[in-house]
Amino acid sequence: MAYDEALVMRIRERLGDAGTKRMFGGLVFLPEGAIAVGVYGPDLLVRVGAGGVAPALARPGVRPFEMGGRPTRGFVLVAADTLDDETLDAWIATGRQASS
């Protein structure tokens, strides 16, 4: 699966030289050594932690991140069309907090 290079660049602008790794058919960012956020297809992958999934799913454009037809624990996908700069910043902060 290809991932959105423009979204990757937007994240790089915010995280600088954070480590990256190709995973899940996308690209993930590991600023503290663990996945915080990533780009999966056109969308943003965000670590929210096990307790953060339900509240995240209540937000616009958010759906579970599924692998093999099953939802993963602690991760959600955020639709690209909801990611203005302020929203992207907030999701990156959420992912960084959940990954530390």
PDB file of N, CA and C in Angstrom:
ATOM      1  N   MET A   1       0.851  -1.183   0.000  1.00  0.00           N
ATOM      2  CA  MET A   1       0.000   0.000   0.000  1.00  0.00           C
ATOM      3  C   MET A   1       0.892   1.240   0.000  1.00  0.00           C
ATOM      4  N   ALA A   2       0.581   2.152  -0.853  1.00  0.00           N
ATOM      5  CA  ALA A   2       1.299   3.428  -0.892  1.00  0.00           C
ATOM      6  C   ALA A   2       0.780   4.322   0.237  1.00  0.00           C
ATOM      7  N   TYR A   3       1.619   5.234   0.680  1.00  0.00           N
ATOM      8  CA  TYR A   3       1.188   6.169   1.712  1.00  0.00           C
ATOM      9  C   TYR A   3       1.354   7.590   1.193  1.00  0.00           C
ATOM     10  N   ASP A   4       0.629   8.507   1.795  1.00  0.00           N
ATOM     11  CA  ASP A   4       0.567   9.899   1.365  1.00  0.00           C
ATOM     12  C   ASP A   4       1.861  10.630   1.723  1.00  0.00           C
ATOM     13  N   GLU A   5       2.674  10.908   0.715  1.00  0.00           N
ATOM     14  CA  GLU A   5       3.961  11.591   0.934  1.00  0.00           C
ATOM     15  C   GLU A   5       3.765  13.009   1.459  1.00  0.00           C
ATOM     16  N   ALA A   6       2.697  13.675   1.061  1.00  0.00           N
ATOM     17  CA  ALA A   6       2.453  15.033   1.552  1.00  0.00           C
ATOM     18  C   ALA A   6       2.193  15.019   3.059  1.00  0.00           C
ATOM     19  N   LEU A   7       1.449  14.036   3.528  1.00  0.00           N
ATOM     20  CA  LEU A   7       1.199  13.921   4.970  1.00  0.00           C
ATOM     21  C   LEU A   7       2.493  13.565   5.695  1.00  0.00           C
ATOM     22  N   VAL A   8       3.306  12.705   5.106  1.00  0.00           N
ATOM     23  CA  VAL A   8       4.617  12.392   5.691  1.00  0.00           C
ATOM     24  C   VAL A   8       5.425  13.671   5.876  1.00  0.00           C
ATOM     25  N   MET A   9       5.451  14.520   4.873  1.00  0.00           N
ATOM     26  CA  MET A   9       6.222  15.766   4.969  1.00  0.00           C
ATOM     27  C   MET A   9       5.669  16.693   6.055  1.00  0.00           C
ATOM     28  N   ARG A  10       4.360  16.751   6.184  1.00  0.00           N
ATOM     29  CA  ARG A  10       3.752  17.577   7.232  1.00  0.00           C
ATOM     30  C   ARG A  10       4.172  17.080   8.617  1.00  0.00           C
ATOM     31  N   ILE A  11       4.221  15.772   8.785  1.00  0.00           N
ATOM     32  CA  ILE A  11       4.635  15.213  10.074  1.00  0.00           C
ATOM     33  C   ILE A  11       6.115  15.474  10.303  1.00  0.00           C
ATOM     34  N   ARG A  12       6.939  15.286   9.264  1.00  0.00           N
ATOM     35  CA  ARG A  12       8.383  15.553   9.390  1.00  0.00           C
ATOM     36  C   ARG A  12       8.647  17.000   9.811  1.00  0.00           C
ATOM     37  N   GLU A  13       7.838  17.935   9.316  1.00  0.00           N
ATOM     38  CA  GLU A  13       7.987  19.343   9.702  1.00  0.00           C
ATOM     39  C   GLU A  13       7.806  19.514  11.201  1.00  0.00           C
ATOM     40  N   ARG A  14       6.981  18.668  11.804  1.00  0.00           N
ATOM     41  CA  ARG A  14       6.674  18.787  13.218  1.00  0.00           C
ATOM     42  C   ARG A  14       7.605  17.953  14.098  1.00  0.00           C
ATOM     43  N   LEU A  15       8.045  16.806  13.603  1.00  0.00           N
ATOM     44  CA  LEU A  15       8.849  15.904  14.420  1.00  0.00           C
ATOM     45  C   LEU A  15      10.339  15.943  14.094  1.00  0.00           C
ATOM     46  N   GLY A  16      10.713  16.664  13.066  1.00  0.00           N
ATOM     47  CA  GLY A  16      12.126  16.773  12.727  1.00  0.00           C
ATOM     48  C   GLY A  16      12.734  15.439  12.347  1.00  0.00           C
ATOM     49  N   ASP A  17      13.819  15.097  12.999  1.00  0.00           N
ATOM     50  CA  ASP A  17      14.567  13.894  12.662  1.00  0.00           C
ATOM     51  C   ASP A  17      14.104  12.659  13.418  1.00  0.00           C
ATOM     52  N   ALA A  18      12.854  12.609  13.811  1.00  0.00           N
ATOM     53  CA  ALA A  18      12.344  11.421  14.501  1.00  0.00           C
ATOM     54  C   ALA A  18      12.574  10.203  13.621  1.00  0.00           C
ATOM     55  N   GLY A  19      12.906   9.098  14.233  1.00  0.00           N
ATOM     56  CA  GLY A  19      13.119   7.870  13.474  1.00  0.00           C
ATOM     57  C   GLY A  19      11.860   7.451  12.734  1.00  0.00           C
ATOM     58  N   THR A  20      12.046   6.838  11.597  1.00  0.00           N
ATOM     59  CA  THR A  20      10.926   6.308  10.827  1.00  0.00           C
ATOM     60  C   THR A  20      11.209   4.865  10.461  1.00  0.00           C
ATOM     61  N   LYS A  21      10.127   4.150  10.198  1.00  0.00           N
ATOM     62  CA  LYS A  21      10.249   2.750   9.812  1.00  0.00           C
ATOM     63  C   LYS A  21       9.035   2.375   8.976  1.00  0.00           C
ATOM     64  N   ARG A  22       9.262   1.603   7.940  1.00  0.00           N
ATOM     65  CA  ARG A  22       8.142   1.090   7.146  1.00  0.00           C
ATOM     66  C   ARG A  22       7.510  -0.070   7.895  1.00  0.00           C
ATOM     67  N   MET A  23       6.225   0.084   8.191  1.00  0.00           N
ATOM     68  CA  MET A  23       5.466  -0.957   8.893  1.00  0.00           C
ATOM     69  C   MET A  23       4.017  -0.893   8.457  1.00  0.00           C
ATOM     70  N   PHE A  24       3.329  -2.010   8.538  1.00  0.00           N
ATOM     71  CA  PHE A  24       1.893  -2.081   8.256  1.00  0.00           C
ATOM     72  C   PHE A  24       1.555  -1.601   6.856  1.00  0.00           C
ATOM     73  N   GLY A  25       2.511  -1.611   5.940  1.00  0.00           N
ATOM     74  CA  GLY A  25       2.255  -1.089   4.603  1.00  0.00           C
ATOM     75  C   GLY A  25       2.294   0.428   4.556  1.00  0.00           C
ATOM     76  N   GLY A  26       2.775   1.047   5.596  1.00  0.00           N
ATOM     77  CA  GLY A  26       2.865   2.500   5.650  1.00  0.00           C
ATOM     78  C   GLY A  26       4.214   2.908   6.218  1.00  0.00           C
ATOM     79  N   LEU A  27       4.263   4.111   6.771  1.00  0.00           N
ATOM     80  CA  LEU A  27       5.477   4.635   7.377  1.00  0.00           C
ATOM     81  C   LEU A  27       5.122   5.127   8.767  1.00  0.00           C
ATOM     82  N   VAL A  28       5.869   4.668   9.778  1.00  0.00           N
ATOM     83  CA  VAL A  28       5.593   5.100  11.149  1.00  0.00           C
ATOM     84  C   VAL A  28       6.739   5.953  11.673  1.00  0.00           C
ATOM     85  N   PHE A  29       6.416   6.819  12.611  1.00  0.00           N
ATOM     86  CA  PHE A  29       7.380   7.712  13.256  1.00  0.00           C
ATOM     87  C   PHE A  29       7.575   7.254  14.690  1.00  0.00           C
ATOM     88  N   LEU A  30       8.830   7.166  15.103  1.00  0.00           N
ATOM     89  CA  LEU A  30       9.191   6.664  16.426  1.00  0.00           C
ATOM     90  C   LEU A  30      10.025   7.707  17.172  1.00  0.00           C
ATOM     91  N   PRO A  31       9.450   8.848  17.553  1.00  0.00           N
ATOM     92  CA  PRO A  31      10.259   9.919  18.143  1.00  0.00           C
ATOM     93  C   PRO A  31      10.918   9.556  19.469  1.00  0.00           C
ATOM     94  N   GLU A  32      10.317   8.695  20.253  1.00  0.00           N
ATOM     95  CA  GLU A  32      10.911   8.264  21.524  1.00  0.00           C
ATOM     96  C   GLU A  32      11.233   6.773  21.481  1.00  0.00           C
ATOM     97  N   GLY A  33      11.398   6.231  20.280  1.00  0.00           N
ATOM     98  CA  GLY A  33      11.731   4.825  20.136  1.00  0.00           C
ATOM     99  C   GLY A  33      10.545   3.895  20.002  1.00  0.00           C
ATOM    100  N   ALA A  34       9.339   4.424  20.134  1.00  0.00           N
ATOM    101  CA  ALA A  34       8.120   3.640  19.976  1.00  0.00           C
ATOM    102  C   ALA A  34       7.208   4.367  18.984  1.00  0.00           C
ATOM    103  N   ILE A  35       6.340   3.629  18.341  1.00  0.00           N
ATOM    104  CA  ILE A  35       5.438   4.245  17.364  1.00  0.00           C
ATOM    105  C   ILE A  35       4.565   5.285  18.053  1.00  0.00           C
ATOM    106  N   ALA A  36       4.577   6.493  17.529  1.00  0.00           N
ATOM    107  CA  ALA A  36       3.679   7.550  18.004  1.00  0.00           C
ATOM    108  C   ALA A  36       2.584   7.782  16.971  1.00  0.00           C
ATOM    109  N   VAL A  37       2.993   8.018  15.735  1.00  0.00           N
ATOM    110  CA  VAL A  37       2.065   8.239  14.629  1.00  0.00           C
ATOM    111  C   VAL A  37       2.653   7.604  13.379  1.00  0.00           C
ATOM    112  N   GLY A  38       1.836   7.546  12.357  1.00  0.00           N
ATOM    113  CA  GLY A  38       2.310   7.041  11.080  1.00  0.00           C
ATOM    114  C   GLY A  38       1.358   7.450   9.978  1.00  0.00           C
ATOM    115  N   VAL A  39       1.730   7.087   8.782  1.00  0.00           N
ATOM    116  CA  VAL A  39       0.876   7.356   7.626  1.00  0.00           C
ATOM    117  C   VAL A  39       0.564   6.013   7.004  1.00  0.00           C
ATOM    118  N   TYR A  40      -0.709   5.718   6.900  1.00  0.00           N
ATOM    119  CA  TYR A  40      -1.197   4.455   6.378  1.00  0.00           C
ATOM    120  C   TYR A  40      -2.173   4.786   5.252  1.00  0.00           C
ATOM    121  N   GLY A  41      -1.747   4.564   4.013  1.00  0.00           N
ATOM    122  CA  GLY A  41      -2.551   5.016   2.879  1.00  0.00           C
ATOM    123  C   GLY A  41      -2.627   6.536   2.922  1.00  0.00           C
ATOM    124  N   PRO A  42      -3.823   7.080   2.826  1.00  0.00           N
ATOM    125  CA  PRO A  42      -3.959   8.537   2.892  1.00  0.00           C
ATOM    126  C   PRO A  42      -4.140   9.067   4.321  1.00  0.00           C
ATOM    127  N   ASP A  43      -4.244   8.164   5.286  1.00  0.00           N
ATOM    128  CA  ASP A  43      -4.672   8.546   6.629  1.00  0.00           C
ATOM    129  C   ASP A  43      -3.552   8.540   7.660  1.00  0.00           C
ATOM    130  N   LEU A  44      -3.844   9.138   8.802  1.00  0.00           N
ATOM    131  CA  LEU A  44      -2.913   9.219   9.914  1.00  0.00           C
ATOM    132  C   LEU A  44      -3.179   8.078  10.883  1.00  0.00           C
ATOM    133  N   LEU A  45      -2.142   7.315  11.198  1.00  0.00           N
ATOM    134  CA  LEU A  45      -2.201   6.276  12.213  1.00  0.00           C
ATOM    135  C   LEU A  45      -1.739   6.913  13.518  1.00  0.00           C
ATOM    136  N   VAL A  46      -2.504   6.726  14.591  1.00  0.00           N
ATOM    137  CA  VAL A  46      -2.163   7.355  15.873  1.00  0.00           C
ATOM    138  C   VAL A  46      -2.225   6.328  16.995  1.00  0.00           C
ATOM    139  N   ARG A  47      -1.151   6.282  17.796  1.00  0.00           N
ATOM    140  CA  ARG A  47      -1.200   5.473  19.018  1.00  0.00           C
ATOM    141  C   ARG A  47      -1.983   6.272  20.052  1.00  0.00           C
ATOM    142  N   VAL A  48      -3.045   5.690  20.580  1.00  0.00           N
ATOM    143  CA  VAL A  48      -3.840   6.358  21.605  1.00  0.00           C
ATOM    144  C   VAL A  48      -3.826   5.588  22.920  1.00  0.00           C
ATOM    145  N   GLY A  49      -3.236   4.407  22.928  1.00  0.00           N
ATOM    146  CA  GLY A  49      -3.234   3.570  24.117  1.00  0.00           C
ATOM    147  C   GLY A  49      -4.553   2.832  24.243  1.00  0.00           C
ATOM    148  N   ALA A  50      -4.535   1.739  24.989  1.00  0.00           N
ATOM    149  CA  ALA A  50      -5.724   0.890  25.107  1.00  0.00           C
ATOM    150  C   ALA A  50      -6.937   1.655  25.633  1.00  0.00           C
ATOM    151  N   GLY A  51      -6.730   2.539  26.590  1.00  0.00           N
ATOM    152  CA  GLY A  51      -7.845   3.304  27.150  1.00  0.00           C
ATOM    153  C   GLY A  51      -8.266   4.495  26.319  1.00  0.00           C
ATOM    154  N   GLY A  52      -7.500   4.803  25.275  1.00  0.00           N
ATOM    155  CA  GLY A  52      -7.815   5.974  24.469  1.00  0.00           C
ATOM    156  C   GLY A  52      -8.599   5.698  23.207  1.00  0.00           C
ATOM    157  N   VAL A  53      -8.839   4.422  22.906  1.00  0.00           N
ATOM    158  CA  VAL A  53      -9.518   4.092  21.653  1.00  0.00           C
ATOM    159  C   VAL A  53     -10.956   4.598  21.650  1.00  0.00           C
ATOM    160  N   ALA A  54     -11.732   4.285  22.672  1.00  0.00           N
ATOM    161  CA  ALA A  54     -13.147   4.684  22.691  1.00  0.00           C
ATOM    162  C   ALA A  54     -13.319   6.201  22.586  1.00  0.00           C
ATOM    163  N   PRO A  55     -12.601   6.999  23.386  1.00  0.00           N
ATOM    164  CA  PRO A  55     -12.757   8.452  23.229  1.00  0.00           C
ATOM    165  C   PRO A  55     -12.323   8.942  21.848  1.00  0.00           C
ATOM    166  N   ALA A  56     -11.266   8.346  21.301  1.00  0.00           N
ATOM    167  CA  ALA A  56     -10.802   8.760  19.973  1.00  0.00           C
ATOM    168  C   ALA A  56     -11.850   8.465  18.912  1.00  0.00           C
ATOM    169  N   LEU A  57     -12.504   7.309  19.025  1.00  0.00           N
ATOM    170  CA  LEU A  57     -13.512   6.931  18.022  1.00  0.00           C
ATOM    171  C   LEU A  57     -14.724   7.860  18.021  1.00  0.00           C
ATOM    172  N   ALA A  58     -14.904   8.623  19.087  1.00  0.00           N
ATOM    173  CA  ALA A  58     -16.006   9.579  19.153  1.00  0.00           C
ATOM    174  C   ALA A  58     -15.709  10.860  18.382  1.00  0.00           C
ATOM    175  N   ARG A  59     -14.460  11.024  17.953  1.00  0.00           N
ATOM    176  CA  ARG A  59     -14.064  12.232  17.234  1.00  0.00           C
ATOM    177  C   ARG A  59     -14.308  12.079  15.736  1.00  0.00           C
ATOM    178  N   PRO A  60     -14.498  13.191  15.027  1.00  0.00           N
ATOM    179  CA  PRO A  60     -14.784  13.130  13.586  1.00  0.00           C
ATOM    180  C   PRO A  60     -13.648  12.492  12.786  1.00  0.00           C
ATOM    181  N   GLY A  61     -14.025  11.625  11.860  1.00  0.00           N
ATOM    182  CA  GLY A  61     -13.076  11.039  10.925  1.00  0.00           C
ATOM    183  C   GLY A  61     -12.203   9.939  11.487  1.00  0.00           C
ATOM    184  N   VAL A  62     -12.500   9.441  12.681  1.00  0.00           N
ATOM    185  CA  VAL A  62     -11.666   8.429  13.320  1.00  0.00           C
ATOM    186  C   VAL A  62     -12.337   7.063  13.211  1.00  0.00           C
ATOM    187  N   ARG A  63     -11.522   6.065  12.899  1.00  0.00           N
ATOM    188  CA  ARG A  63     -12.015   4.691  12.836  1.00  0.00           C
ATOM    189  C   ARG A  63     -10.942   3.766  13.413  1.00  0.00           C
ATOM    190  N   PRO A  64     -11.333   2.549  13.767  1.00  0.00           N
ATOM    191  CA  PRO A  64     -10.333   1.616  14.306  1.00  0.00           C
ATOM    192  C   PRO A  64      -9.281   1.287  13.251  1.00  0.00           C
ATOM    193  N   PHE A  65      -8.079   1.011  13.692  1.00  0.00           N
ATOM    194  CA  PHE A  65      -7.025   0.528  12.814  1.00  0.00           C
ATOM    195  C   PHE A  65      -7.086  -0.989  12.866  1.00  0.00           C
ATOM    196  N   GLU A  66      -7.347  -1.611  11.725  1.00  0.00           N
ATOM    197  CA  GLU A  66      -7.506  -3.056  11.666  1.00  0.00           C
ATOM    198  C   GLU A  66      -6.370  -3.709  10.899  1.00  0.00           C
ATOM    199  N   MET A  67      -5.944  -4.834  11.393  1.00  0.00           N
ATOM    200  CA  MET A  67      -4.972  -5.681  10.713  1.00  0.00           C
ATOM    201  C   MET A  67      -5.611  -7.063  10.607  1.00  0.00           C
ATOM    202  N   GLY A  68      -5.674  -7.592   9.406  1.00  0.00           N
ATOM    203  CA  GLY A  68      -6.280  -8.907   9.219  1.00  0.00           C
ATOM    204  C   GLY A  68      -7.739  -8.942   9.602  1.00  0.00           C
ATOM    205  N   GLY A  69      -8.433  -7.807   9.459  1.00  0.00           N
ATOM    206  CA  GLY A  69      -9.861  -7.749   9.778  1.00  0.00           C
ATOM    207  C   GLY A  69     -10.172  -7.594  11.254  1.00  0.00           C
ATOM    208  N   ARG A  70      -9.139  -7.444  12.079  1.00  0.00           N
ATOM    209  CA  ARG A  70      -9.350  -7.283  13.519  1.00  0.00           C
ATOM    210  C   ARG A  70      -8.789  -5.945  13.975  1.00  0.00           C
ATOM    211  N   PRO A  71      -9.519  -5.258  14.851  1.00  0.00           N
ATOM    212  CA  PRO A  71      -8.990  -3.982  15.356  1.00  0.00           C
ATOM    213  C   PRO A  71      -7.738  -4.205  16.193  1.00  0.00           C
ATOM    214  N   THR A  72      -6.773  -3.318  16.042  1.00  0.00           N
ATOM    215  CA  THR A  72      -5.567  -3.389  16.849  1.00  0.00           C
ATOM    216  C   THR A  72      -5.825  -2.711  18.191  1.00  0.00           C
ATOM    217  N   ARG A  73      -5.033  -3.065  19.167  1.00  0.00           N
ATOM    218  CA  ARG A  73      -5.190  -2.458  20.487  1.00  0.00           C
ATOM    219  C   ARG A  73      -4.368  -1.175  20.544  1.00  0.00           C
ATOM    220  N   GLY A  74      -5.032  -0.087  20.886  1.00  0.00           N
ATOM    221  CA  GLY A  74      -4.311   1.147  21.150  1.00  0.00           C
ATOM    222  C   GLY A  74      -4.006   2.034  19.964  1.00  0.00           C
ATOM    223  N   PHE A  75      -4.532   1.702  18.768  1.00  0.00           N
ATOM    224  CA  PHE A  75      -4.281   2.511  17.578  1.00  0.00           C
ATOM    225  C   PHE A  75      -5.582   2.834  16.865  1.00  0.00           C
ATOM    226  N   VAL A  76      -5.626   4.016  16.251  1.00  0.00           N
ATOM    227  CA  VAL A  76      -6.757   4.426  15.414  1.00  0.00           C
ATOM    228  C   VAL A  76      -6.223   5.052  14.131  1.00  0.00           C
ATOM    229  N   LEU A  77      -7.098   5.146  13.147  1.00  0.00           N
ATOM    230  CA  LEU A  77      -6.805   5.870  11.912  1.00  0.00           C
ATOM    231  C   LEU A  77      -7.647   7.126  11.883  1.00  0.00           C
ATOM    232  N   VAL A  78      -7.043   8.216  11.445  1.00  0.00           N
ATOM    233  CA  VAL A  78      -7.736   9.499  11.333  1.00  0.00           C
ATOM    234  C   VAL A  78      -7.774   9.872   9.857  1.00  0.00           C
ATOM    235  N   ALA A  79      -8.970  10.131   9.341  1.00  0.00           N
ATOM    236  CA  ALA A  79      -9.144  10.460   7.929  1.00  0.00           C
ATOM    237  C   ALA A  79      -8.363  11.714   7.562  1.00  0.00           C
ATOM    238  N   ALA A  80      -7.677  11.641   6.448  1.00  0.00           N
ATOM    239  CA  ALA A  80      -6.827  12.739   5.983  1.00  0.00           C
ATOM    240  C   ALA A  80      -7.604  14.044   5.828  1.00  0.00           C
ATOM    241  N   ASP A  81      -8.859  13.958   5.404  1.00  0.00           N
ATOM    242  CA  ASP A  81      -9.618  15.191   5.150  1.00  0.00           C
ATOM    243  C   ASP A  81     -10.011  15.932   6.424  1.00  0.00           C
ATOM    244  N   THR A  82      -9.707  15.379   7.591  1.00  0.00           N
ATOM    245  CA  THR A  82      -9.977  16.074   8.859  1.00  0.00           C
ATOM    246  C   THR A  82      -8.722  16.718   9.440  1.00  0.00           C
ATOM    247  N   LEU A  83      -7.597  16.587   8.741  1.00  0.00           N
ATOM    248  CA  LEU A  83      -6.305  16.980   9.315  1.00  0.00           C
ATOM    249  C   LEU A  83      -5.839  18.372   8.912  1.00  0.00           C
ATOM    250  N   ASP A  84      -6.529  19.388   9.428  1.00  0.00           N
ATOM    251  CA  ASP A  84      -5.960  20.725   9.282  1.00  0.00           C
ATOM    252  C   ASP A  84      -4.755  20.794  10.221  1.00  0.00           C
ATOM    253  N   ASP A  85      -4.007  21.868  10.202  1.00  0.00           N
ATOM    254  CA  ASP A  85      -2.769  21.944  10.979  1.00  0.00           C
ATOM    255  C   ASP A  85      -3.001  21.767  12.479  1.00  0.00           C
ATOM    256  N   GLU A  86      -4.023  22.405  13.000  1.00  0.00           N
ATOM    257  CA  GLU A  86      -4.300  22.313  14.436  1.00  0.00           C
ATOM    258  C   GLU A  86      -4.664  20.884  14.839  1.00  0.00           C
ATOM    259  N   THR A  87      -5.483  20.247  14.039  1.00  0.00           N
ATOM    260  CA  THR A  87      -5.900  18.871  14.334  1.00  0.00           C
ATOM    261  C   THR A  87      -4.720  17.912  14.224  1.00  0.00           C
ATOM    262  N   LEU A  88      -3.897  18.083  13.204  1.00  0.00           N
ATOM    263  CA  LEU A  88      -2.716  17.240  13.057  1.00  0.00           C
ATOM    264  C   LEU A  88      -1.795  17.400  14.264  1.00  0.00           C
ATOM    265  N   ASP A  89      -1.565  18.634  14.690  1.00  0.00           N
ATOM    266  CA  ASP A  89      -0.723  18.886  15.862  1.00  0.00           C
ATOM    267  C   ASP A  89      -1.274  18.164  17.094  1.00  0.00           C
ATOM    268  N   ALA A  90      -2.587  18.222  17.283  1.00  0.00           N
ATOM    269  CA  ALA A  90      -3.207  17.588  18.450  1.00  0.00           C
ATOM    270  C   ALA A  90      -3.053  16.069  18.401  1.00  0.00           C
ATOM    271  N   TRP A  91      -3.240  15.476  17.227  1.00  0.00           N
ATOM    272  CA  TRP A  91      -3.090  14.026  17.112  1.00  0.00           C
ATOM    273  C   TRP A  91      -1.642  13.600  17.314  1.00  0.00           C
ATOM    274  N   ILE A  92      -0.705  14.368  16.807  1.00  0.00           N
ATOM    275  CA  ILE A  92       0.713  14.039  17.022  1.00  0.00           C
ATOM    276  C   ILE A  92       1.026  14.102  18.513  1.00  0.00           C
ATOM    277  N   ALA A  93       0.522  15.096  19.200  1.00  0.00           N
ATOM    278  CA  ALA A  93       0.737  15.194  20.661  1.00  0.00           C
ATOM    279  C   ALA A  93       0.133  14.002  21.372  1.00  0.00           C
ATOM    280  N   THR A  94      -1.037  13.572  20.959  1.00  0.00           N
ATOM    281  CA  THR A  94      -1.667  12.390  21.546  1.00  0.00           C
ATOM    282  C   THR A  94      -0.800  11.155  21.336  1.00  0.00           C
ATOM    283  N   GLY A  95      -0.311  10.970  20.113  1.00  0.00           N
ATOM    284  CA  GLY A  95       0.517   9.821  19.815  1.00  0.00           C
ATOM    285  C   GLY A  95       1.819   9.826  20.590  1.00  0.00           C
ATOM    286  N   ARG A  96       2.424  10.988  20.727  1.00  0.00           N
ATOM    287  CA  ARG A  96       3.685  11.091  21.478  1.00  0.00           C
ATOM    288  C   ARG A  96       3.462  10.775  22.949  1.00  0.00           C
ATOM    289  N   GLN A  97       2.371  11.275  23.499  1.00  0.00           N
ATOM    290  CA  GLN A  97       2.082  11.020  24.898  1.00  0.00           C
ATOM    291  C   GLN A  97       1.819   9.532  25.131  1.00  0.00           C
ATOM    292  N   ALA A  98       1.060   8.901  24.241  1.00  0.00           N
ATOM    293  CA  ALA A  98       0.730   7.486  24.398  1.00  0.00           C
ATOM    294  C   ALA A  98       1.941   6.583  24.174  1.00  0.00           C
ATOM    295  N   SER A  99       2.937   7.059  23.442  1.00  0.00           N
ATOM    296  CA  SER A  99       4.102   6.224  23.149  1.00  0.00           C
ATOM    297  C   SER A  99       5.208   6.346  24.186  1.00  0.00           C
ATOM    298  N   SER A 100       5.065   7.306  25.092  1.00  0.00           N
ATOM    299  CA  SER A 100       6.149   7.491  26.076  1.00  0.00           C
ATOM    300  C   SER A 100       5.892   6.765  27.365  1.00  0.00           C
TER     301      SER A 100
END
